[in-house]
Protein backbone atom coordinates (compact mmCIF):
# COMPACT_ATOMS: atom_id res chain seq x y z
CA MET A 1 119.09 92.95 117.13
CA ASP A 2 118.62 95.67 114.51
CA THR A 3 118.55 98.31 117.20
CA TYR A 4 121.44 96.71 119.05
CA GLY A 5 124.05 96.99 116.29
CA ALA A 6 122.72 98.93 113.32
CA GLY A 7 121.63 102.02 115.22
CA PHE A 8 125.11 102.66 116.57
CA ALA A 9 126.69 102.07 113.17
CA VAL A 10 124.32 104.42 111.32
CA LEU A 11 124.85 107.19 113.85
CA TRP A 12 128.63 106.69 113.77
CA ILE A 13 128.73 106.81 109.96
CA GLY A 14 126.49 109.90 109.87
CA ILE A 15 128.69 111.75 112.35
CA TRP A 16 131.85 111.03 110.34
CA GLU A 17 130.20 111.91 107.03
CA LEU A 18 129.32 115.34 108.38
CA VAL A 19 132.76 115.80 109.93
CA GLY A 20 134.45 114.74 106.71
CA LEU A 21 132.31 116.84 104.43
CA MET A 22 131.93 120.05 106.40
CA TRP A 23 134.97 120.21 108.64
CA ILE A 24 137.67 118.45 106.61
CA TYR A 25 136.55 119.29 103.05
CA GLY A 26 135.30 122.64 104.34
CA PHE A 27 132.29 124.91 104.38
CA ASN A 28 133.64 127.08 101.61
CA ASN A 29 134.35 124.19 99.26
CA VAL A 30 130.90 122.68 99.82
CA SER A 31 129.29 126.10 99.26
CA LYS A 32 131.26 126.61 96.05
CA ASP A 33 130.29 123.14 94.80
CA ILE A 34 126.60 123.77 95.52
CA GLN A 35 126.86 127.19 93.86
CA LEU A 36 128.38 125.52 90.81
CA MET A 37 125.53 122.98 90.68
CA LEU A 38 122.57 125.23 91.54
CA GLY A 39 123.76 128.65 90.45
CA HIS A 40 123.53 130.16 93.95
CA GLU A 41 125.26 129.62 97.26
CA PRO A 42 123.29 127.98 100.08
CA CYS A 43 121.98 130.37 102.71
CA TRP A 44 123.39 130.71 106.22
CA PHE A 45 120.69 128.42 107.64
CA TRP A 46 121.92 125.37 105.70
CA LYS A 47 125.53 126.09 106.53
CA LEU A 48 124.63 126.33 110.21
CA CYS A 49 122.64 123.08 110.05
CA TRP A 50 125.30 121.12 108.17
CA GLY A 51 128.25 122.46 110.13
CA PHE A 52 127.00 122.71 113.69
CA ILE A 53 123.43 121.67 114.45
CA SER A 54 123.44 118.27 112.70
CA PRO A 55 126.81 117.04 114.06
CA VAL A 56 125.91 118.13 117.60
CA PHE A 57 122.48 116.53 117.29
CA LEU A 58 123.96 113.25 116.03
CA VAL A 59 126.58 113.16 118.81
CA VAL A 60 123.88 113.82 121.43
CA VAL A 61 121.67 111.07 119.99
CA PHE A 62 124.66 108.69 119.91
CA ILE A 63 125.51 109.43 123.54
CA LEU A 64 121.87 109.02 124.59
CA ALA A 65 121.69 105.73 122.71
CA VAL A 66 124.78 104.45 124.51
CA VAL A 67 123.57 105.67 127.92
CA GLY A 68 120.03 104.37 127.39
CA TRP A 69 121.14 101.01 126.09
CA SER A 70 119.42 98.03 127.69
CA ASN A 71 120.25 94.37 127.60
CA PRO A 72 118.85 92.69 124.50
CA THR A 73 116.34 89.90 124.92
CA TYR A 74 114.81 87.33 122.65
CA ALA A 75 111.32 86.09 123.54
CA GLY A 76 111.76 87.50 127.03
CA VAL A 77 115.05 85.66 127.66
CA GLY A 78 118.24 87.65 128.10
CA TYR A 79 121.52 86.80 126.42
CA TYR A 80 124.51 85.40 128.28
CA ASP A 81 126.88 87.91 129.87
CA ASP A 82 129.86 86.73 127.83
CA PHE A 83 127.88 87.41 124.65
CA LYS A 84 127.20 90.98 125.77
CA ILE A 85 130.83 91.53 126.81
CA ASN A 86 132.01 90.18 123.47
CA ASN A 87 129.72 92.55 121.58
CA TRP A 88 130.76 95.57 123.63
CA PHE A 89 134.36 94.71 122.80
CA CYS A 90 133.73 94.05 119.11
CA ILE A 91 131.70 97.18 118.30
CA PRO A 92 134.40 99.75 119.25
CA PHE A 93 137.13 97.49 117.85
CA TYR A 94 135.42 97.32 114.45
CA LEU A 95 134.62 101.03 114.45
CA VAL A 96 138.27 101.88 115.00
CA MET A 97 139.54 99.15 112.66
CA TYR A 98 137.36 100.14 109.70
CA THR A 99 138.10 103.82 110.25
CA LEU A 100 141.83 103.09 110.14
CA ILE A 101 141.44 100.87 107.06
CA TYR A 102 139.56 103.65 105.27
CA LEU A 103 142.12 106.27 106.25
CA ASN A 104 144.96 103.98 105.15
CA LYS A 105 143.39 103.34 101.74
CA HIS A 106 142.45 106.96 101.22
CA PHE A 107 145.66 108.60 102.37
CA ASP A 108 148.17 105.86 101.60
CA TYR A 109 148.67 106.80 97.94
CA ASN A 110 148.90 110.54 98.64
CA PHE A 111 151.26 110.06 101.59
CA ARG A 112 153.50 107.65 99.66
CA SER A 113 153.67 109.98 96.64
CA PHE A 114 154.48 112.90 98.98
CA LEU A 115 157.37 110.94 100.50
CA ILE A 116 158.68 109.92 97.06
CA GLN A 117 158.47 113.46 95.64
CA ASN A 118 160.38 114.92 98.58
CA GLY A 119 163.11 112.30 98.36
CA LEU A 120 162.27 110.67 101.68
CA ILE A 121 161.69 107.30 100.01
CA ILE A 122 163.88 105.99 97.25
CA LEU A 123 162.25 103.35 95.10
CA VAL A 124 164.52 100.39 94.38
CA GLY A 125 163.42 97.63 92.13
CA PRO A 126 163.31 96.29 88.60
């Protein structure tokens, strides 16, 4: 069961960590932060690995894991079909749900303060 659920979750988290760090926060910001910590900017090889090779590799591994998935068994006995259908429904549902919860918590304060500052929301209360 470790391979059944945890492998997909670890790959999914790794993909989004790289996307968040290198594509949303940005190559230049990461390079400046590393230069601040180490005293020199990382070379082109590391930028290429972090920005292109690693995300592509993780996406390929994720796709191959999904395509090569086989029915789980315990002591040679397969699980019921409704159990497998339930899990295939729950995994994408939880991936989307927790991604949306994270985005809501992370961007909610900034978005709300943006709306208040621009006069799009008027706070009424005691």
